[in-house]
Amino acid sequence: MEKILYTTTAVNEDGLTGVVYTKGNGDKDFSTQISSPRSADAGTNPEQLFALAYATCLNASIEFVEKRMKLEHKSKVEVKIDLTLDSEGEGYLFHPSVFVAMPGRDEALALEILEAAERQCPVHKLLKGVTVPPVELSTANE
């Protein structure tokens, strides 16, 4: 197994109505109200959280590549998540669309930066099927 650089644990006990939180991160622990994207209730939803994670991870990877190349950070990443019914199975599907802007960058250089960032970004690699996280099941009462 690779050397672990950081670990976080997210907990949801309420489904789509309630609170989701992280634990074990000290002053970086985070909690937020959750609601369905199709509800008028206050709160964020899984689609927004996923889009935030993807946009941040990819732009941080772009920034890392730019720094390695001794370039100024010049990018904006927008991630749109469409939620659809799964026509081939049960439940729903996420369909992410990603837009990256690098204003003023030479097109060939921008493509080189983006391709290097895609090879580094854990969220992007996860979506390409490089890593499929195992699902651990527990039926124990806590």
Protein backbone atom coordinates (compact mmCIF):
# COMPACT_ATOMS: atom_id res chain seq x y z
CA MET A 1 0.00 0.00 0.00
CA GLU A 2 1.14 3.53 -0.75
CA LYS A 3 2.20 5.88 2.05
CA ILE A 4 -0.90 7.64 3.40
CA LEU A 5 -0.50 11.43 3.20
CA TYR A 6 -3.88 12.45 4.61
CA THR A 7 -7.02 10.74 5.83
CA THR A 8 -10.49 12.10 6.36
CA THR A 9 -13.71 10.36 7.32
CA ALA A 10 -17.13 11.70 6.33
CA VAL A 11 -20.21 10.57 8.23
CA ASN A 12 -23.85 10.78 7.19
CA GLU A 13 -26.43 9.37 9.61
CA ASP A 14 -29.47 11.16 8.19
CA GLY A 15 -29.67 10.38 4.47
CA LEU A 16 -30.71 13.39 2.38
CA THR A 17 -32.19 15.44 5.22
CA GLY A 18 -29.91 16.31 8.07
CA VAL A 19 -26.22 16.85 8.64
CA VAL A 20 -23.08 15.39 7.12
CA TYR A 21 -19.76 15.89 8.88
CA THR A 22 -16.13 14.90 8.94
CA LYS A 23 -14.34 13.55 11.97
CA GLY A 24 -10.79 12.99 13.09
CA ASN A 25 -9.37 16.13 11.48
CA GLY A 26 -9.16 18.42 14.52
CA ASP A 27 -9.69 22.05 13.57
CA LYS A 28 -10.31 21.05 9.94
CA ASP A 29 -13.46 19.10 10.84
CA PHE A 30 -16.45 20.27 8.86
CA SER A 31 -20.22 19.87 8.98
CA THR A 32 -23.01 21.08 6.77
CA GLN A 33 -26.76 20.76 6.38
CA ILE A 34 -27.77 18.31 3.64
CA SER A 35 -30.91 18.29 1.53
CA SER A 36 -32.09 16.75 -1.70
CA PRO A 37 -31.28 18.75 -4.84
CA ARG A 38 -34.96 18.49 -5.72
CA SER A 39 -36.10 19.87 -2.36
CA ALA A 40 -36.75 23.47 -1.32
CA ASP A 41 -35.15 22.72 2.07
CA ALA A 42 -31.98 24.59 2.99
CA GLY A 43 -28.70 22.76 2.66
CA THR A 44 -26.18 21.53 0.18
CA ASN A 45 -26.46 18.25 -1.69
CA PRO A 46 -24.18 15.45 -2.88
CA GLU A 47 -24.05 16.87 -6.40
CA GLN A 48 -22.72 20.20 -5.12
CA LEU A 49 -20.22 18.56 -2.80
CA PHE A 50 -18.92 16.34 -5.61
CA ALA A 51 -18.64 19.30 -8.01
CA LEU A 52 -16.75 21.29 -5.35
CA ALA A 53 -14.36 18.41 -4.72
CA TYR A 54 -13.69 17.83 -8.43
CA ALA A 55 -13.22 21.53 -9.28
CA THR A 56 -10.91 22.10 -6.31
CA CYS A 57 -8.86 18.96 -6.88
CA LEU A 58 -8.35 19.58 -10.59
CA ASN A 59 -7.48 23.26 -10.14
CA ALA A 60 -5.06 22.42 -7.32
CA SER A 61 -3.42 19.88 -9.64
CA ILE A 62 -3.17 22.52 -12.38
CA GLU A 63 -1.60 24.92 -9.87
CA PHE A 64 0.91 22.24 -8.84
CA VAL A 65 1.94 21.66 -12.46
CA GLU A 66 2.24 25.41 -13.10
CA LYS A 67 4.46 25.84 -10.03
CA ARG A 68 6.66 22.95 -11.14
CA MET A 69 7.01 24.72 -14.52
CA LYS A 70 7.69 28.03 -12.71
CA LEU A 71 4.56 29.61 -14.19
CA GLU A 72 2.01 31.93 -12.66
CA HIS A 73 -1.24 30.20 -11.65
CA LYS A 74 -3.82 31.11 -14.31
CA SER A 75 -6.80 28.82 -14.33
CA LYS A 76 -10.44 28.56 -13.44
CA VAL A 77 -12.19 25.19 -13.26
CA GLU A 78 -15.96 24.82 -13.45
CA VAL A 79 -17.61 21.45 -12.88
CA LYS A 80 -21.26 20.91 -13.69
CA ILE A 81 -22.98 17.77 -12.41
CA ASP A 82 -26.14 16.56 -14.12
CA LEU A 83 -28.19 14.06 -12.13
CA THR A 84 -30.21 11.56 -14.18
CA LEU A 85 -32.14 8.39 -13.58
CA ASP A 86 -30.11 5.28 -14.37
CA SER A 87 -31.88 3.89 -17.44
CA GLU A 88 -29.92 0.61 -17.25
CA GLY A 89 -30.32 -0.07 -13.57
CA GLU A 90 -31.58 1.35 -10.34
CA GLY A 91 -31.08 4.76 -8.81
CA TYR A 92 -29.32 7.72 -10.32
CA LEU A 93 -26.19 8.68 -12.24
CA PHE A 94 -23.86 11.68 -12.07
CA HIS A 95 -22.75 13.13 -15.40
CA PRO A 96 -19.92 15.61 -14.80
CA SER A 97 -18.92 18.23 -17.35
CA VAL A 98 -15.65 20.05 -16.77
CA PHE A 99 -14.60 23.42 -18.16
CA VAL A 100 -11.07 24.73 -17.61
CA ALA A 101 -10.08 28.28 -18.52
CA MET A 102 -6.46 29.41 -18.68
CA PRO A 103 -6.78 32.97 -19.99
CA GLY A 104 -3.78 34.20 -21.92
CA ARG A 105 -2.02 30.82 -22.01
CA ASP A 106 -0.59 29.47 -25.24
CA GLU A 107 -2.96 26.70 -26.33
CA ALA A 108 -0.27 24.01 -26.59
CA LEU A 109 1.13 24.93 -23.17
CA ALA A 110 -2.35 25.00 -21.63
CA LEU A 111 -3.05 21.52 -23.01
CA GLU A 112 0.28 20.24 -21.65
CA ILE A 113 -0.55 21.66 -18.21
CA LEU A 114 -4.08 20.22 -18.26
CA GLU A 115 -2.95 16.74 -19.33
CA ALA A 116 -0.32 16.68 -16.59
CA ALA A 117 -2.91 17.86 -14.04
CA GLU A 118 -5.36 15.16 -15.14
CA ARG A 119 -2.68 12.54 -14.52
CA GLN A 120 -2.23 13.89 -10.99
CA CYS A 121 -5.76 14.75 -9.84
CA PRO A 122 -7.12 11.94 -7.61
CA VAL A 123 -10.75 12.79 -8.39
CA HIS A 124 -10.12 12.78 -12.14
CA LYS A 125 -8.28 9.46 -11.89
CA LEU A 126 -11.11 8.01 -9.82
CA LEU A 127 -13.59 8.94 -12.55
CA LYS A 128 -11.40 7.37 -15.23
CA GLY A 129 -11.67 4.07 -13.39
CA VAL A 130 -8.06 3.99 -12.21
CA THR A 131 -9.23 3.45 -8.65
CA VAL A 132 -12.52 1.96 -7.53
CA PRO A 133 -12.88 2.31 -3.77
CA PRO A 134 -14.02 -0.81 -1.94
CA VAL A 135 -17.28 -0.60 -0.03
CA GLU A 136 -17.02 -1.95 3.50
CA LEU A 137 -20.23 -3.22 5.06
CA SER A 138 -20.91 -3.32 8.77
CA THR A 139 -24.11 -4.48 10.40
CA ALA A 140 -22.82 -3.94 13.94
CA ASN A 141 -24.77 -1.71 16.30
CA GLU A 142 -22.62 1.20 17.35
